[in-house]
């Protein structure tokens, strides 16, 4: 039970950080390459 909860929270964290990274890249008007490989 505890192990599945931790795994679920791990996936939620990955999704949230991915979405926030995509929003930042969108605000900086990056292209698809900038979304995948943020270099600056």
N, C-alpha and C. Protein backbone atom coordinates (compact mmCIF):
# COMPACT_ATOMS: atom_id res chain seq x y z
N UNK A 1 0.83 -1.20 0.00
CA UNK A 1 0.00 0.00 0.00
C UNK A 1 0.87 1.26 0.00
N UNK A 2 1.81 1.34 0.95
CA UNK A 2 2.68 2.52 1.04
C UNK A 2 3.53 2.68 -0.21
N UNK A 3 4.02 1.56 -0.73
CA UNK A 3 4.88 1.60 -1.91
C UNK A 3 4.13 2.11 -3.14
N UNK A 4 2.87 1.71 -3.30
CA UNK A 4 2.09 2.18 -4.44
C UNK A 4 1.75 3.67 -4.31
N UNK A 5 1.56 4.13 -3.07
CA UNK A 5 1.28 5.55 -2.84
C UNK A 5 2.50 6.40 -3.19
N UNK A 6 3.67 5.94 -2.80
CA UNK A 6 4.90 6.67 -3.12
C UNK A 6 5.13 6.69 -4.62
N UNK A 7 4.88 5.60 -5.29
CA UNK A 7 5.03 5.54 -6.74
C UNK A 7 4.06 6.50 -7.43
N UNK A 8 2.83 6.54 -6.95
CA UNK A 8 1.84 7.45 -7.51
C UNK A 8 2.28 8.90 -7.33
N UNK A 9 2.73 9.26 -6.13
CA UNK A 9 3.17 10.62 -5.87
C UNK A 9 4.41 10.97 -6.70
N UNK A 10 5.25 10.01 -6.95
CA UNK A 10 6.42 10.22 -7.80
C UNK A 10 5.99 10.60 -9.22
N UNK A 11 5.02 9.87 -9.76
CA UNK A 11 4.51 10.17 -11.10
C UNK A 11 3.80 11.53 -11.15
N UNK A 12 3.06 11.85 -10.12
CA UNK A 12 2.40 13.16 -10.06
C UNK A 12 3.44 14.27 -10.07
N UNK A 13 4.52 14.10 -9.33
CA UNK A 13 5.59 15.09 -9.32
C UNK A 13 6.24 15.26 -10.68
N UNK A 14 6.45 14.16 -11.38
CA UNK A 14 7.04 14.22 -12.72
C UNK A 14 6.13 14.99 -13.67
N UNK A 15 4.84 14.72 -13.62
CA UNK A 15 3.88 15.41 -14.49
C UNK A 15 3.83 16.89 -14.18
N UNK A 16 3.79 17.24 -12.90
CA UNK A 16 3.69 18.65 -12.51
C UNK A 16 4.94 19.41 -12.94
N UNK A 17 6.12 18.87 -12.71
CA UNK A 17 7.34 19.55 -13.11
C UNK A 17 7.46 19.63 -14.63
N UNK A 18 6.98 18.63 -15.35
CA UNK A 18 6.99 18.69 -16.82
C UNK A 18 6.08 19.80 -17.33
N UNK A 19 4.90 19.91 -16.73
CA UNK A 19 3.96 20.96 -17.15
C UNK A 19 4.49 22.35 -16.85
N UNK A 20 5.09 22.52 -15.68
CA UNK A 20 5.62 23.85 -15.34
C UNK A 20 6.81 24.20 -16.24
N UNK A 21 7.62 23.23 -16.58
CA UNK A 21 8.73 23.48 -17.51
C UNK A 21 8.23 23.85 -18.89
N UNK A 22 7.17 23.21 -19.34
CA UNK A 22 6.59 23.54 -20.64
C UNK A 22 5.98 24.94 -20.63
N UNK A 23 5.37 25.33 -19.51
CA UNK A 23 4.81 26.68 -19.42
C UNK A 23 5.91 27.74 -19.45
N UNK A 24 7.01 27.50 -18.77
CA UNK A 24 8.12 28.45 -18.79
C UNK A 24 8.70 28.56 -20.20
N UNK A 25 8.87 27.44 -20.87
CA UNK A 25 9.39 27.47 -22.23
C UNK A 25 8.43 28.19 -23.16
N UNK A 26 7.14 28.02 -22.93
CA UNK A 26 6.14 28.70 -23.75
C UNK A 26 6.20 30.21 -23.53
N UNK A 27 6.36 30.63 -22.29
CA UNK A 27 6.44 32.07 -21.99
C UNK A 27 7.70 32.70 -22.59
N UNK A 28 8.76 31.90 -22.71
CA UNK A 28 10.00 32.41 -23.32
C UNK A 28 9.98 32.27 -24.84
N UNK A 29 8.84 31.82 -25.38
CA UNK A 29 8.61 31.65 -26.82
C UNK A 29 9.65 30.74 -27.47
N UNK A 30 9.94 29.63 -26.81
CA UNK A 30 10.87 28.65 -27.37
C UNK A 30 10.15 27.76 -28.37
N UNK A 31 10.92 27.19 -29.29
CA UNK A 31 10.35 26.25 -30.25
C UNK A 31 10.36 24.85 -29.65
N UNK A 32 10.06 23.85 -30.46
CA UNK A 32 9.97 22.47 -29.97
C UNK A 32 11.32 22.01 -29.41
N UNK A 33 12.41 22.38 -30.06
CA UNK A 33 13.74 21.99 -29.59
C UNK A 33 14.01 22.63 -28.23
N UNK A 34 13.58 23.87 -28.03
CA UNK A 34 13.73 24.53 -26.74
C UNK A 34 12.92 23.87 -25.65
N UNK A 35 11.78 23.28 -26.00
CA UNK A 35 10.98 22.55 -25.01
C UNK A 35 11.71 21.28 -24.58
N UNK A 36 12.33 20.61 -25.54
CA UNK A 36 12.97 19.31 -25.25
C UNK A 36 14.35 19.51 -24.62
N UNK A 37 15.13 20.45 -25.16
CA UNK A 37 16.50 20.67 -24.70
C UNK A 37 16.67 22.12 -24.25
N UNK A 38 16.24 22.44 -23.03
CA UNK A 38 16.38 23.83 -22.57
C UNK A 38 17.86 24.17 -22.35
N UNK A 39 18.39 25.01 -23.20
CA UNK A 39 19.81 25.33 -23.13
C UNK A 39 20.09 26.72 -22.59
N UNK A 40 19.08 27.43 -22.16
CA UNK A 40 19.40 28.74 -21.62
C UNK A 40 18.26 29.57 -21.29
